[in-house]
Amino acid sequence: MDRHATAVWKGTLKGGAGTLDTQSGALSALPYSFKARFEDESGKSGTNPEELLGAAHAGCFAMQLSHFLEENGTPAEKLDAKAVVTLVPGTGITGSAITLVGTVPGLDAAKFKELADKAKSSCPVSQALGAIKISLDATLA
């Protein structure tokens, strides 16, 4: 199974800008720029690769955990996962910190943590990010 996305960049690093498109059409001419990546902490001036990586990581992790919870006989009512990807200019991407709040009827906190840790290490995006630190803070609602 292959999926694709396209990036078009015009101009210099600091003065230029680009757009991103995905195969599904979920992203279509989505703007990104140097400012959006390195200067705008509010995140309102466009997207950036780290934000998209965070979305991919949070989504993959939540799907993997939902599978493990279903296998355990305790399907989730809701999994709210957030991944914060850290970029250190001059060094690169150094980490992805996942915060999870789950609503899982009939499951105790210890088993929830066990399954969440298993999902963290086995989701395909986590595996692809093996060169960086991945942390997890998982709690039941």
Protein backbone atom coordinates (compact mmCIF):
# COMPACT_ATOMS: atom_id res chain seq x y z
CA MET A 1 0.00 0.00 0.00
CA ASP A 2 1.44 3.35 -1.04
CA ARG A 3 0.13 6.81 -0.20
CA HIS A 4 1.43 10.08 -1.54
CA ALA A 5 1.60 13.79 -0.91
CA THR A 6 3.03 16.56 -3.03
CA ALA A 7 4.93 19.66 -1.95
CA VAL A 8 5.48 22.62 -4.27
CA TRP A 9 7.93 25.28 -3.07
CA LYS A 10 8.61 28.59 -4.82
CA GLY A 11 11.39 30.99 -3.90
CA THR A 12 14.09 31.10 -1.27
CA LEU A 13 13.97 29.41 2.12
CA LYS A 14 13.00 32.52 4.09
CA GLY A 15 11.20 34.47 1.39
CA GLY A 16 9.47 31.66 -0.42
CA ALA A 17 6.33 29.70 0.26
CA GLY A 18 4.81 26.42 -0.70
CA THR A 19 1.68 24.34 -0.84
CA LEU A 20 0.95 20.76 0.14
CA ASP A 21 -1.54 18.38 -1.43
CA THR A 22 -2.47 14.85 -0.42
CA GLN A 23 -3.75 11.93 -2.43
CA SER A 24 -7.03 11.91 -0.49
CA GLY A 25 -7.64 15.60 -1.09
CA ALA A 26 -7.80 16.23 2.67
CA LEU A 27 -5.00 18.73 2.11
CA SER A 28 -5.38 20.79 -1.01
CA ALA A 29 -3.07 23.74 -1.71
CA LEU A 30 -2.39 23.96 2.03
CA PRO A 31 0.13 26.78 2.55
CA TYR A 32 3.41 26.35 4.38
CA SER A 33 6.36 28.68 4.84
CA PHE A 34 9.51 29.47 6.80
CA LYS A 35 7.47 31.74 9.07
CA ALA A 36 4.93 28.99 9.78
CA ARG A 37 7.71 26.56 10.57
CA PHE A 38 10.20 28.63 12.55
CA GLU A 39 8.71 31.96 13.61
CA ASP A 40 4.94 31.80 14.21
CA GLU A 41 4.44 30.06 17.55
CA SER A 42 0.67 30.64 17.28
CA GLY A 43 0.53 28.23 14.33
CA LYS A 44 -1.90 30.45 12.44
CA SER A 45 0.21 31.37 9.40
CA GLY A 46 0.10 27.95 7.77
CA THR A 47 1.19 24.40 8.43
CA ASN A 48 4.65 22.88 8.69
CA PRO A 49 6.18 19.41 8.45
CA GLU A 50 6.33 18.98 12.24
CA GLU A 51 2.62 19.73 12.67
CA LEU A 52 1.78 17.21 9.97
CA LEU A 53 4.10 14.64 11.54
CA GLY A 54 2.35 15.21 14.87
CA ALA A 55 -1.04 14.63 13.25
CA ALA A 56 0.21 11.44 11.63
CA HIS A 57 1.70 10.18 14.88
CA ALA A 58 -1.37 10.96 17.01
CA GLY A 59 -3.69 9.39 14.44
CA CYS A 60 -1.64 6.24 13.97
CA PHE A 61 -1.20 5.77 17.72
CA ALA A 62 -4.93 6.21 18.43
CA MET A 63 -5.86 3.69 15.73
CA GLN A 64 -3.33 1.14 17.01
CA LEU A 65 -4.54 1.54 20.59
CA SER A 66 -8.18 1.18 19.53
CA HIS A 67 -7.26 -2.18 17.99
CA PHE A 68 -5.56 -3.39 21.18
CA LEU A 69 -8.49 -2.23 23.30
CA GLU A 70 -10.96 -4.07 21.06
CA GLU A 71 -8.82 -7.23 21.22
CA ASN A 72 -8.88 -6.89 25.02
CA GLY A 73 -12.70 -6.86 24.98
CA THR A 74 -12.81 -3.25 26.17
CA PRO A 75 -13.38 -1.07 23.11
CA ALA A 76 -12.77 2.64 23.58
CA GLU A 77 -15.62 5.08 23.66
CA LYS A 78 -13.15 7.88 22.90
CA LEU A 79 -9.39 8.31 22.54
CA ASP A 80 -8.12 11.90 22.53
CA ALA A 81 -4.47 11.77 21.45
CA LYS A 82 -2.17 14.76 20.91
CA ALA A 83 1.41 14.52 19.64
CA VAL A 84 3.76 17.47 20.16
CA VAL A 85 6.73 17.20 17.79
CA THR A 86 9.84 19.12 18.87
CA LEU A 87 12.11 20.71 16.28
CA VAL A 88 15.43 22.14 17.43
CA PRO A 89 16.80 24.38 14.64
CA GLY A 90 20.25 23.23 13.66
CA THR A 91 19.70 19.83 15.29
CA GLY A 92 16.46 18.53 13.80
CA ILE A 93 13.38 16.79 15.12
CA THR A 94 14.24 15.50 18.59
CA GLY A 95 11.01 14.10 19.96
CA SER A 96 7.32 13.41 19.82
CA ALA A 97 5.39 13.64 23.08
CA ILE A 98 2.00 11.92 23.02
CA THR A 99 -0.66 12.93 25.53
CA LEU A 100 -3.69 10.67 25.68
CA VAL A 101 -6.99 10.86 27.53
CA GLY A 102 -9.13 7.79 27.00
CA THR A 103 -12.68 6.91 27.83
CA VAL A 104 -12.73 3.13 28.05
CA PRO A 105 -15.58 1.60 30.06
CA GLY A 106 -14.62 -1.45 32.11
CA LEU A 107 -10.85 -0.95 31.91
CA ASP A 108 -8.56 -0.20 34.85
CA ALA A 109 -5.73 2.32 34.68
CA ALA A 110 -2.93 -0.27 34.80
CA LYS A 111 -4.24 -2.23 31.81
CA PHE A 112 -4.92 1.01 29.94
CA LYS A 113 -1.30 2.10 30.47
CA GLU A 114 -0.02 -1.32 29.38
CA LEU A 115 -2.00 -1.27 26.14
CA ALA A 116 -1.13 2.39 25.46
CA ASP A 117 2.59 1.62 25.89
CA LYS A 118 2.22 -1.32 23.51
CA ALA A 119 0.51 0.93 20.93
CA LYS A 120 3.23 3.58 21.32
CA SER A 121 5.96 1.11 20.44
CA SER A 122 4.12 -0.77 17.72
CA CYS A 123 2.26 1.82 15.66
CA PRO A 124 3.95 2.20 12.25
CA VAL A 125 4.60 5.92 12.66
CA SER A 126 6.29 5.36 16.04
CA GLN A 127 8.44 2.73 14.41
CA ALA A 128 9.36 5.11 11.59
CA LEU A 129 10.33 7.71 14.22
CA GLY A 130 12.73 5.30 15.93
CA ALA A 131 15.61 7.81 15.81
CA ILE A 132 13.85 10.26 18.18
CA LYS A 133 12.55 10.16 21.74
CA ILE A 134 8.87 9.24 21.96
CA SER A 135 7.11 9.81 25.27
CA LEU A 136 3.59 8.98 26.40
CA ASP A 137 1.37 10.39 29.12
CA ALA A 138 -1.81 8.27 29.16
CA THR A 139 -4.76 8.72 31.51
CA LEU A 140 -8.33 7.50 31.70
CA ALA A 141 -11.07 10.11 31.73
